[in-house]
Amino acid sequence: MNEHARGAVRVEQGPKRVRCYLAGRLVADTRRPFLVWEIPYYPAYYIPLADVVADLKPVEKVEHSPSRGTARLFDVRVDGAAAESAAKRYPDSPLEELRDLVRFDWAAMDEWLEEDEPVYTHPRDPYKRVDILASSRQVRVEVDGVTVADSTRPHILFETGLPPRYYLPLPDVRTELLVPSATQSHCPYKGTAAYWSVDTGHGVHPDLVWIYRTPLPESQKVAGLACFYNEKVDLYIDGELQDRPRTPFS
């Protein structure tokens, strides 16, 4: 494992074949991607310049990072398709591993593949694990002092770095208090989530509940189950009120 840490940034070469596409055209194809933890929560892919198929046209813009140095930005062009300022390089980075690598903006690309499978939102972190276990614990959820869910058949999702999440069958949720939301979120481990807000008659609490109706294969156990943000509700497990955790979702 080739790993280098400097400040808050960790760099590690990954074993997967990684490809990205723009408008159906191949932009890059590598068997030696680098995972770079620019933030603590998940890594970004950096791709060796030699494995980039698209043309990179420099623009008159730079970005500076205290740990990675000065980035030069590039338009990405391939077979008539273009994405403005969608690539960056750190040719003089204090992190030597980054100097010959290209970072493509994830959202600017239309598709990313790890091996032959699509991956969404960001690369999968090799040090993050998701376990989903059926349980008979009693889970009760209160909002504004009103019980909005009560179940003894949760599925508990344990994800590295986050508090346990309690996914509950819809018959155990007071769905008449749920208000559909247009919000969606995406997770590379679970898939695309849809949301509800909660209205107990004391005000609307936006996007408090989510559901994965068609989760990715590794997370099928939570399909069709509702989950509340521990950070934003009063959660009782076996009758005991839980402390509200502090997370990026608080």
C-alpha atoms as a PDB file:
ATOM      1  CA  MET A   1       0.000   0.000   0.000  1.00  0.00           C
ATOM      2  CA  ASN A   2       1.446   3.333  -1.085  1.00  0.00           C
ATOM      3  CA  GLU A   3       0.194   5.836   1.447  1.00  0.00           C
ATOM      4  CA  HIS A   4       1.269   9.352   2.370  1.00  0.00           C
ATOM      5  CA  ALA A   5      -0.305  11.632   4.916  1.00  0.00           C
ATOM      6  CA  ARG A   6       0.260  15.364   5.094  1.00  0.00           C
ATOM      7  CA  GLY A   7      -1.964  17.451   7.299  1.00  0.00           C
ATOM      8  CA  ALA A   8      -5.561  16.411   6.732  1.00  0.00           C
ATOM      9  CA  VAL A   9      -4.866  14.781   3.331  1.00  0.00           C
ATOM     10  CA  ARG A  10      -4.158  11.094   2.826  1.00  0.00           C
ATOM     11  CA  VAL A  11      -3.121   9.622  -0.523  1.00  0.00           C
ATOM     12  CA  GLU A  12      -3.326   5.927  -1.349  1.00  0.00           C
ATOM     13  CA  GLN A  13      -3.169   3.982  -4.607  1.00  0.00           C
ATOM     14  CA  GLY A  14      -6.288   1.875  -5.152  1.00  0.00           C
ATOM     15  CA  PRO A  15      -6.630  -1.553  -6.806  1.00  0.00           C
ATOM     16  CA  LYS A  16      -9.800  -1.001  -8.883  1.00  0.00           C
ATOM     17  CA  ARG A  17     -10.110  -0.173 -12.539  1.00  0.00           C
ATOM     18  CA  VAL A  18     -11.803   3.243 -12.713  1.00  0.00           C
ATOM     19  CA  ARG A  19     -13.387   4.932 -15.740  1.00  0.00           C
ATOM     20  CA  CYS A  20     -15.315   8.148 -16.195  1.00  0.00           C
ATOM     21  CA  TYR A  21     -17.422   9.365 -19.112  1.00  0.00           C
ATOM     22  CA  LEU A  22     -18.733  12.656 -20.450  1.00  0.00           C
ATOM     23  CA  ALA A  23     -21.722  12.585 -22.830  1.00  0.00           C
ATOM     24  CA  GLY A  24     -21.073   8.888 -23.360  1.00  0.00           C
ATOM     25  CA  ARG A  25     -17.440   9.466 -24.355  1.00  0.00           C
ATOM     26  CA  LEU A  26     -14.582   7.954 -22.402  1.00  0.00           C
ATOM     27  CA  VAL A  27     -12.647  10.614 -20.474  1.00  0.00           C
ATOM     28  CA  ALA A  28     -10.234   8.457 -18.485  1.00  0.00           C
ATOM     29  CA  ASP A  29      -9.536   4.767 -17.929  1.00  0.00           C
ATOM     30  CA  THR A  30      -7.062   3.685 -15.276  1.00  0.00           C
ATOM     31  CA  ARG A  31      -6.026   0.554 -13.417  1.00  0.00           C
ATOM     32  CA  ARG A  32      -4.009   2.615 -10.952  1.00  0.00           C
ATOM     33  CA  PRO A  33      -6.367   5.197  -9.458  1.00  0.00           C
ATOM     34  CA  PHE A  34      -5.362   7.183  -6.420  1.00  0.00           C
ATOM     35  CA  LEU A  35      -7.735   7.747  -3.527  1.00  0.00           C
ATOM     36  CA  VAL A  36      -7.223  11.155  -1.930  1.00  0.00           C
ATOM     37  CA  TRP A  37      -8.971  12.043   1.320  1.00  0.00           C
ATOM     38  CA  GLU A  38      -9.295  15.818   0.900  1.00  0.00           C
ATOM     39  CA  ILE A  39     -11.964  15.805   3.641  1.00  0.00           C
ATOM     40  CA  PRO A  40     -12.390  13.216   6.411  1.00  0.00           C
ATOM     41  CA  TYR A  41     -15.679  11.725   5.218  1.00  0.00           C
ATOM     42  CA  TYR A  42     -14.843  10.116   1.868  1.00  0.00           C
ATOM     43  CA  PRO A  43     -12.081  10.095  -0.780  1.00  0.00           C
ATOM     44  CA  ALA A  44     -11.847  11.575  -4.271  1.00  0.00           C
ATOM     45  CA  TYR A  45     -10.350   9.836  -7.293  1.00  0.00           C
ATOM     46  CA  TYR A  46      -7.184  11.228  -8.837  1.00  0.00           C
ATOM     47  CA  ILE A  47      -6.195   9.661 -12.166  1.00  0.00           C
ATOM     48  CA  PRO A  48      -2.709   9.430 -13.712  1.00  0.00           C
ATOM     49  CA  LEU A  49      -2.330  11.898 -16.564  1.00  0.00           C
ATOM     50  CA  ALA A  50      -1.155   9.082 -18.852  1.00  0.00           C
ATOM     51  CA  ASP A  51      -4.554   7.373 -18.437  1.00  0.00           C
ATOM     52  CA  VAL A  52      -6.592  10.422 -19.501  1.00  0.00           C
ATOM     53  CA  VAL A  53      -8.160  10.134 -22.969  1.00  0.00           C
ATOM     54  CA  ALA A  54      -9.873  13.532 -23.136  1.00  0.00           C
ATOM     55  CA  ASP A  55      -8.150  16.785 -24.073  1.00  0.00           C
ATOM     56  CA  LEU A  56      -7.422  19.092 -21.169  1.00  0.00           C
ATOM     57  CA  LYS A  57      -7.461  22.759 -22.170  1.00  0.00           C
ATOM     58  CA  PRO A  58      -5.995  25.126 -19.552  1.00  0.00           C
ATOM     59  CA  VAL A  59      -8.120  28.024 -18.330  1.00  0.00           C
ATOM     60  CA  GLU A  60      -7.039  31.247 -16.655  1.00  0.00           C
ATOM     61  CA  LYS A  61      -8.010  30.134 -13.204  1.00  0.00           C
ATOM     62  CA  VAL A  62      -6.204  28.540 -10.277  1.00  0.00           C
ATOM     63  CA  GLU A  63      -7.225  27.269  -6.864  1.00  0.00           C
ATOM     64  CA  HIS A  64      -5.089  27.023  -3.774  1.00  0.00           C
ATOM     65  CA  SER A  65      -5.128  24.406  -1.051  1.00  0.00           C
ATOM     66  CA  PRO A  66      -2.917  24.714   2.054  1.00  0.00           C
ATOM     67  CA  SER A  67      -2.124  20.996   1.900  1.00  0.00           C
ATOM     68  CA  ARG A  68      -2.208  20.231  -1.843  1.00  0.00           C
ATOM     69  CA  GLY A  69      -0.759  23.460  -3.217  1.00  0.00           C
ATOM     70  CA  THR A  70      -1.861  25.429  -6.268  1.00  0.00           C
ATOM     71  CA  ALA A  71      -4.212  23.729  -8.719  1.00  0.00           C
ATOM     72  CA  ARG A  72      -4.348  24.581 -12.397  1.00  0.00           C
ATOM     73  CA  LEU A  73      -7.835  24.199 -13.873  1.00  0.00           C
ATOM     74  CA  PHE A  74      -8.724  22.756 -17.259  1.00  0.00           C
ATOM     75  CA  ASP A  75     -11.738  22.398 -19.522  1.00  0.00           C
ATOM     76  CA  VAL A  76     -12.420  18.780 -20.425  1.00  0.00           C
ATOM     77  CA  ARG A  77     -13.092  18.146 -24.115  1.00  0.00           C
ATOM     78  CA  VAL A  78     -13.751  14.829 -25.838  1.00  0.00           C
ATOM     79  CA  ASP A  79     -15.381  14.196 -29.246  1.00  0.00           C
ATOM     80  CA  GLY A  80     -17.302  17.454 -29.253  1.00  0.00           C
ATOM     81  CA  ALA A  81     -18.428  17.268 -25.628  1.00  0.00           C
ATOM     82  CA  ALA A  82     -17.017  19.708 -23.087  1.00  0.00           C
ATOM     83  CA  ALA A  83     -17.123  20.387 -19.347  1.00  0.00           C
ATOM     84  CA  GLU A  84     -15.766  23.741 -18.242  1.00  0.00           C
ATOM     85  CA  SER A  85     -13.136  23.853 -15.483  1.00  0.00           C
ATOM     86  CA  ALA A  86     -13.948  20.215 -14.692  1.00  0.00           C
ATOM     87  CA  ALA A  87     -10.369  19.033 -14.193  1.00  0.00           C
ATOM     88  CA  LYS A  88      -7.520  20.191 -12.000  1.00  0.00           C
ATOM     89  CA  ARG A  89      -3.860  19.343 -11.552  1.00  0.00           C
ATOM     90  CA  TYR A  90      -1.329  20.082  -8.821  1.00  0.00           C
ATOM     91  CA  PRO A  91       1.975  19.932 -10.760  1.00  0.00           C
ATOM     92  CA  ASP A  92       3.975  21.560  -7.957  1.00  0.00           C
ATOM     93  CA  SER A  93       2.141  20.013  -5.021  1.00  0.00           C
ATOM     94  CA  PRO A  94       4.060  19.411  -1.787  1.00  0.00           C
ATOM     95  CA  LEU A  95       2.436  15.981  -2.006  1.00  0.00           C
ATOM     96  CA  GLU A  96       4.686  14.376  -4.605  1.00  0.00           C
ATOM     97  CA  GLU A  97       2.134  11.673  -5.499  1.00  0.00           C
ATOM     98  CA  LEU A  98      -0.314  14.291  -6.791  1.00  0.00           C
ATOM     99  CA  ARG A  99       1.976  15.993  -9.285  1.00  0.00           C
ATOM    100  CA  ASP A 100       1.216  13.710 -12.253  1.00  0.00           C
ATOM    101  CA  LEU A 101      -2.440  13.113 -11.404  1.00  0.00           C
ATOM    102  CA  VAL A 102      -5.703  14.671 -12.606  1.00  0.00           C
ATOM    103  CA  ARG A 103      -8.764  15.239 -10.462  1.00  0.00           C
ATOM    104  CA  PHE A 104     -12.034  15.347 -12.427  1.00  0.00           C
ATOM    105  CA  ASP A 105     -15.043  17.029 -10.871  1.00  0.00           C
ATOM    106  CA  TRP A 106     -17.327  14.141  -9.960  1.00  0.00           C
ATOM    107  CA  ALA A 107     -20.614  15.858 -10.787  1.00  0.00           C
ATOM    108  CA  ALA A 108     -19.316  17.204 -14.121  1.00  0.00           C
ATOM    109  CA  MET A 109     -18.868  13.656 -15.422  1.00  0.00           C
ATOM    110  CA  ASP A 110     -21.941  11.736 -16.564  1.00  0.00           C
ATOM    111  CA  GLU A 111     -20.842   8.313 -15.367  1.00  0.00           C
ATOM    112  CA  TRP A 112     -18.199   6.727 -13.174  1.00  0.00           C
ATOM    113  CA  LEU A 113     -17.402   3.015 -13.132  1.00  0.00           C
ATOM    114  CA  GLU A 114     -15.486   0.959 -10.589  1.00  0.00           C
ATOM    115  CA  GLU A 115     -14.559  -2.119 -12.619  1.00  0.00           C
ATOM    116  CA  ASP A 116     -17.761  -2.633 -14.675  1.00  0.00           C
ATOM    117  CA  GLU A 117     -20.258  -1.311 -12.123  1.00  0.00           C
ATOM    118  CA  PRO A 118     -21.528   2.278 -11.856  1.00  0.00           C
ATOM    119  CA  VAL A 119     -20.727   4.152  -8.664  1.00  0.00           C
ATOM    120  CA  TYR A 120     -22.564   7.287  -7.581  1.00  0.00           C
ATOM    121  CA  THR A 121     -21.938  10.368  -5.420  1.00  0.00           C
ATOM    122  CA  HIS A 122     -18.273   9.648  -4.601  1.00  0.00           C
ATOM    123  CA  PRO A 123     -15.819   6.732  -4.587  1.00  0.00           C
ATOM    124  CA  ARG A 124     -16.437   3.948  -2.133  1.00  0.00           C
ATOM    125  CA  ASP A 125     -14.141   4.266   0.863  1.00  0.00           C
ATOM    126  CA  PRO A 126     -12.198   0.991   1.336  1.00  0.00           C
ATOM    127  CA  TYR A 127     -12.151   1.638   5.090  1.00  0.00           C
ATOM    128  CA  LYS A 128     -15.906   2.095   5.445  1.00  0.00           C
ATOM    129  CA  ARG A 129     -18.238  -0.821   6.091  1.00  0.00           C
ATOM    130  CA  VAL A 130     -22.026  -1.092   6.133  1.00  0.00           C
ATOM    131  CA  ASP A 131     -23.731  -3.858   8.137  1.00  0.00           C
ATOM    132  CA  ILE A 132     -27.534  -4.225   8.277  1.00  0.00           C
ATOM    133  CA  LEU A 133     -28.911  -6.428  11.041  1.00  0.00           C
ATOM    134  CA  ALA A 134     -32.480  -7.423  11.851  1.00  0.00           C
ATOM    135  CA  SER A 135     -33.340  -6.681  15.482  1.00  0.00           C
ATOM    136  CA  SER A 136     -36.132  -7.072  18.027  1.00  0.00           C
ATOM    137  CA  ARG A 137     -35.273  -3.892  19.953  1.00  0.00           C
ATOM    138  CA  GLN A 138     -38.143  -1.526  20.591  1.00  0.00           C
ATOM    139  CA  VAL A 139     -37.590   1.715  18.690  1.00  0.00           C
ATOM    140  CA  ARG A 140     -39.856   4.671  19.366  1.00  0.00           C
ATOM    141  CA  VAL A 141     -39.527   8.062  17.671  1.00  0.00           C
ATOM    142  CA  GLU A 142     -40.989  11.294  19.044  1.00  0.00           C
ATOM    143  CA  VAL A 143     -41.238  14.672  17.308  1.00  0.00           C
ATOM    144  CA  ASP A 144     -42.680  17.633  19.250  1.00  0.00           C
ATOM    145  CA  GLY A 145     -43.645  15.165  21.978  1.00  0.00           C
ATOM    146  CA  VAL A 146     -45.745  13.167  19.513  1.00  0.00           C
ATOM    147  CA  THR A 147     -44.949   9.500  18.841  1.00  0.00           C
ATOM    148  CA  VAL A 148     -44.508   9.207  15.078  1.00  0.00           C
ATOM    149  CA  ALA A 149     -43.114   5.654  14.959  1.00  0.00           C
ATOM    150  CA  ASP A 150     -43.029   2.638  17.276  1.00  0.00           C
ATOM    151  CA  SER A 151     -41.557  -0.681  16.190  1.00  0.00           C
ATOM    152  CA  THR A 152     -40.096  -3.915  17.563  1.00  0.00           C
ATOM    153  CA  ARG A 153     -38.829  -5.079  14.179  1.00  0.00           C
ATOM    154  CA  PRO A 154     -36.212  -2.568  13.052  1.00  0.00           C
ATOM    155  CA  HIS A 155     -33.314  -3.204  10.770  1.00  0.00           C
ATOM    156  CA  ILE A 156     -30.273  -1.450  12.224  1.00  0.00           C
ATOM    157  CA  LEU A 157     -27.740  -0.102   9.751  1.00  0.00           C
ATOM    158  CA  PHE A 158     -24.218   0.240  11.136  1.00  0.00           C
ATOM    159  CA  GLU A 159     -22.000   2.411   8.931  1.00  0.00           C
ATOM    160  CA  THR A 160     -18.429   3.245   9.855  1.00  0.00           C
ATOM    161  CA  GLY A 161     -18.167   6.745  11.286  1.00  0.00           C
ATOM    162  CA  LEU A 162     -21.917   7.327  11.692  1.00  0.00           C
ATOM    163  CA  PRO A 163     -24.394   6.505  14.474  1.00  0.00           C
ATOM    164  CA  PRO A 164     -26.589   3.413  14.055  1.00  0.00           C
ATOM    165  CA  ARG A 165     -29.593   4.087  11.841  1.00  0.00           C
ATOM    166  CA  TYR A 166     -32.927   2.456  12.666  1.00  0.00           C
ATOM    167  CA  TYR A 167     -34.951   1.505   9.581  1.00  0.00           C
ATOM    168  CA  LEU A 168     -38.580   0.825  10.421  1.00  0.00           C
ATOM    169  CA  PRO A 169     -41.432  -0.888   8.542  1.00  0.00           C
ATOM    170  CA  LEU A 170     -43.939   1.647   7.214  1.00  0.00           C
ATOM    171  CA  PRO A 171     -46.903   0.046   9.103  1.00  0.00           C
ATOM    172  CA  ASP A 172     -45.048   0.998  12.314  1.00  0.00           C
ATOM    173  CA  VAL A 173     -44.825   4.656  11.238  1.00  0.00           C
ATOM    174  CA  ARG A 174     -47.652   7.195  11.457  1.00  0.00           C
ATOM    175  CA  THR A 175     -47.531   7.909   7.744  1.00  0.00           C
ATOM    176  CA  GLU A 176     -50.428  10.385   8.021  1.00  0.00           C
ATOM    177  CA  LEU A 177     -47.907  12.758   9.663  1.00  0.00           C
ATOM    178  CA  LEU A 178     -45.457  12.462   6.750  1.00  0.00           C
ATOM    179  CA  VAL A 179     -45.381  15.096   4.008  1.00  0.00           C
ATOM    180  CA  PRO A 180     -43.717  14.089   0.700  1.00  0.00           C
ATOM    181  CA  SER A 181     -40.598  16.083  -0.180  1.00  0.00           C
ATOM    182  CA  ALA A 182     -38.876  16.658  -3.508  1.00  0.00           C
ATOM    183  CA  THR A 183     -35.484  16.123  -1.832  1.00  0.00           C
ATOM    184  CA  GLN A 184     -33.277  13.233  -2.879  1.00  0.00           C
ATOM    185  CA  SER A 185     -29.838  12.157  -1.718  1.00  0.00           C
ATOM    186  CA  HIS A 186     -27.390   9.649  -3.131  1.00  0.00           C
ATOM    187  CA  CYS A 187     -25.086   7.188  -1.412  1.00  0.00           C
ATOM    188  CA  PRO A 188     -22.515   4.917  -3.123  1.00  0.00           C
ATOM    189  CA  TYR A 189     -23.352   2.127  -0.653  1.00  0.00           C
ATOM    190  CA  LYS A 190     -27.146   2.371  -0.442  1.00  0.00           C
ATOM    191  CA  GLY A 191     -28.418   4.155  -3.552  1.00  0.00           C
ATOM    192  CA  THR A 192     -30.934   6.994  -3.947  1.00  0.00           C
ATOM    193  CA  ALA A 193     -33.080   8.077  -1.010  1.00  0.00           C
ATOM    194  CA  ALA A 194     -36.407   9.893  -1.122  1.00  0.00           C
ATOM    195  CA  TYR A 195     -37.573  12.050   1.783  1.00  0.00           C
ATOM    196  CA  TRP A 196     -40.577  13.073   3.845  1.00  0.00           C
ATOM    197  CA  SER A 197     -41.037  16.014   6.148  1.00  0.00           C
ATOM    198  CA  VAL A 198     -42.954  15.556   9.412  1.00  0.00           C
ATOM    199  CA  ASP A 199     -45.968  17.662  10.419  1.00  0.00           C
ATOM    200  CA  THR A 200     -47.232  16.943  13.929  1.00  0.00           C
ATOM    201  CA  GLY A 201     -49.469  20.008  13.980  1.00  0.00           C
ATOM    202  CA  HIS A 202     -46.763  22.028  15.737  1.00  0.00           C
ATOM    203  CA  GLY A 203     -44.858  23.005  12.607  1.00  0.00           C
ATOM    204  CA  VAL A 204     -43.276  21.183   9.684  1.00  0.00           C
ATOM    205  CA  HIS A 205     -39.869  19.563  10.182  1.00  0.00           C
ATOM    206  CA  PRO A 206     -38.334  19.324   6.696  1.00  0.00           C
ATOM    207  CA  ASP A 207     -36.691  16.173   5.356  1.00  0.00           C
ATOM    208  CA  LEU A 208     -36.678  14.340   8.667  1.00  0.00           C
ATOM    209  CA  VAL A 209     -37.341  10.857   7.246  1.00  0.00           C
ATOM    210  CA  TRP A 210     -35.888   8.984   4.289  1.00  0.00           C
ATOM    211  CA  ILE A 211     -36.507   5.734   2.434  1.00  0.00           C
ATOM    212  CA  TYR A 212     -34.553   3.662  -0.097  1.00  0.00           C
ATOM    213  CA  ARG A 213     -37.213   2.164  -2.326  1.00  0.00           C
ATOM    214  CA  THR A 214     -34.736   0.483  -4.677  1.00  0.00           C
ATOM    215  CA  PRO A 215     -31.417   0.319  -2.819  1.00  0.00           C
ATOM    216  CA  LEU A 216     -28.217  -1.073  -4.243  1.00  0.00           C
ATOM    217  CA  PRO A 217     -27.829  -4.870  -3.942  1.00  0.00           C
ATOM    218  CA  GLU A 218     -25.586  -4.735  -0.858  1.00  0.00           C
ATOM    219  CA  SER A 219     -28.250  -2.723   1.029  1.00  0.00           C
ATOM    220  CA  GLN A 220     -31.400  -4.617   0.030  1.00  0.00           C
ATOM    221  CA  LYS A 221     -32.308  -5.247   3.670  1.00  0.00           C
ATOM    222  CA  VAL A 222     -33.453  -1.617   4.064  1.00  0.00           C
ATOM    223  CA  ALA A 223     -35.643  -1.580   0.952  1.00  0.00           C
ATOM    224  CA  GLY A 224     -38.968   0.104   1.694  1.00  0.00           C
ATOM    225  CA  LEU A 225     -38.116   0.952   5.310  1.00  0.00           C
ATOM    226  CA  ALA A 226     -38.280   4.429   6.849  1.00  0.00           C
ATOM    227  CA  CYS A 227     -35.451   5.999   8.827  1.00  0.00           C
ATOM    228  CA  PHE A 228     -35.426   9.125  11.000  1.00  0.00           C
ATOM    229  CA  TYR A 229     -32.433  11.352  11.660  1.00  0.00           C
ATOM    230  CA  ASN A 230     -31.218  10.436  15.160  1.00  0.00           C
ATOM    231  CA  GLU A 231     -29.768  13.935  15.265  1.00  0.00           C
ATOM    232  CA  LYS A 232     -33.167  15.635  14.966  1.00  0.00           C
ATOM    233  CA  VAL A 233     -35.733  13.518  16.828  1.00  0.00           C
ATOM    234  CA  ASP A 234     -36.237  12.059  20.291  1.00  0.00           C
ATOM    235  CA  LEU A 235     -35.251   8.427  19.842  1.00  0.00           C
ATOM    236  CA  TYR A 236     -36.067   5.811  22.483  1.00  0.00           C
ATOM    237  CA  ILE A 237     -34.368   2.402  22.304  1.00  0.00           C
ATOM    238  CA  ASP A 238     -35.930  -0.186  24.633  1.00  0.00           C
ATOM    239  CA  GLY A 239     -37.532   2.678  26.525  1.00  0.00           C
ATOM    240  CA  GLU A 240     -34.325   4.686  27.021  1.00  0.00           C
ATOM    241  CA  LEU A 241     -34.012   8.149  25.473  1.00  0.00           C
ATOM    242  CA  GLN A 242     -30.859   8.361  23.346  1.00  0.00           C
ATOM    243  CA  ASP A 243     -28.497  11.318  23.206  1.00  0.00           C
ATOM    244  CA  ARG A 244     -28.665  13.156  19.896  1.00  0.00           C
ATOM    245  CA  PRO A 245     -25.365  12.484  18.094  1.00  0.00           C
ATOM    246  CA  ARG A 246     -23.282  15.243  16.537  1.00  0.00           C
ATOM    247  CA  THR A 247     -22.612  14.466  12.867  1.00  0.00           C
ATOM    248  CA  PRO A 248     -22.343  16.361   9.563  1.00  0.00           C
ATOM    249  CA  PHE A 249     -26.149  15.937   9.374  1.00  0.00           C
ATOM    250  CA  SER A 250     -26.864  17.663  12.709  1.00  0.00           C
END
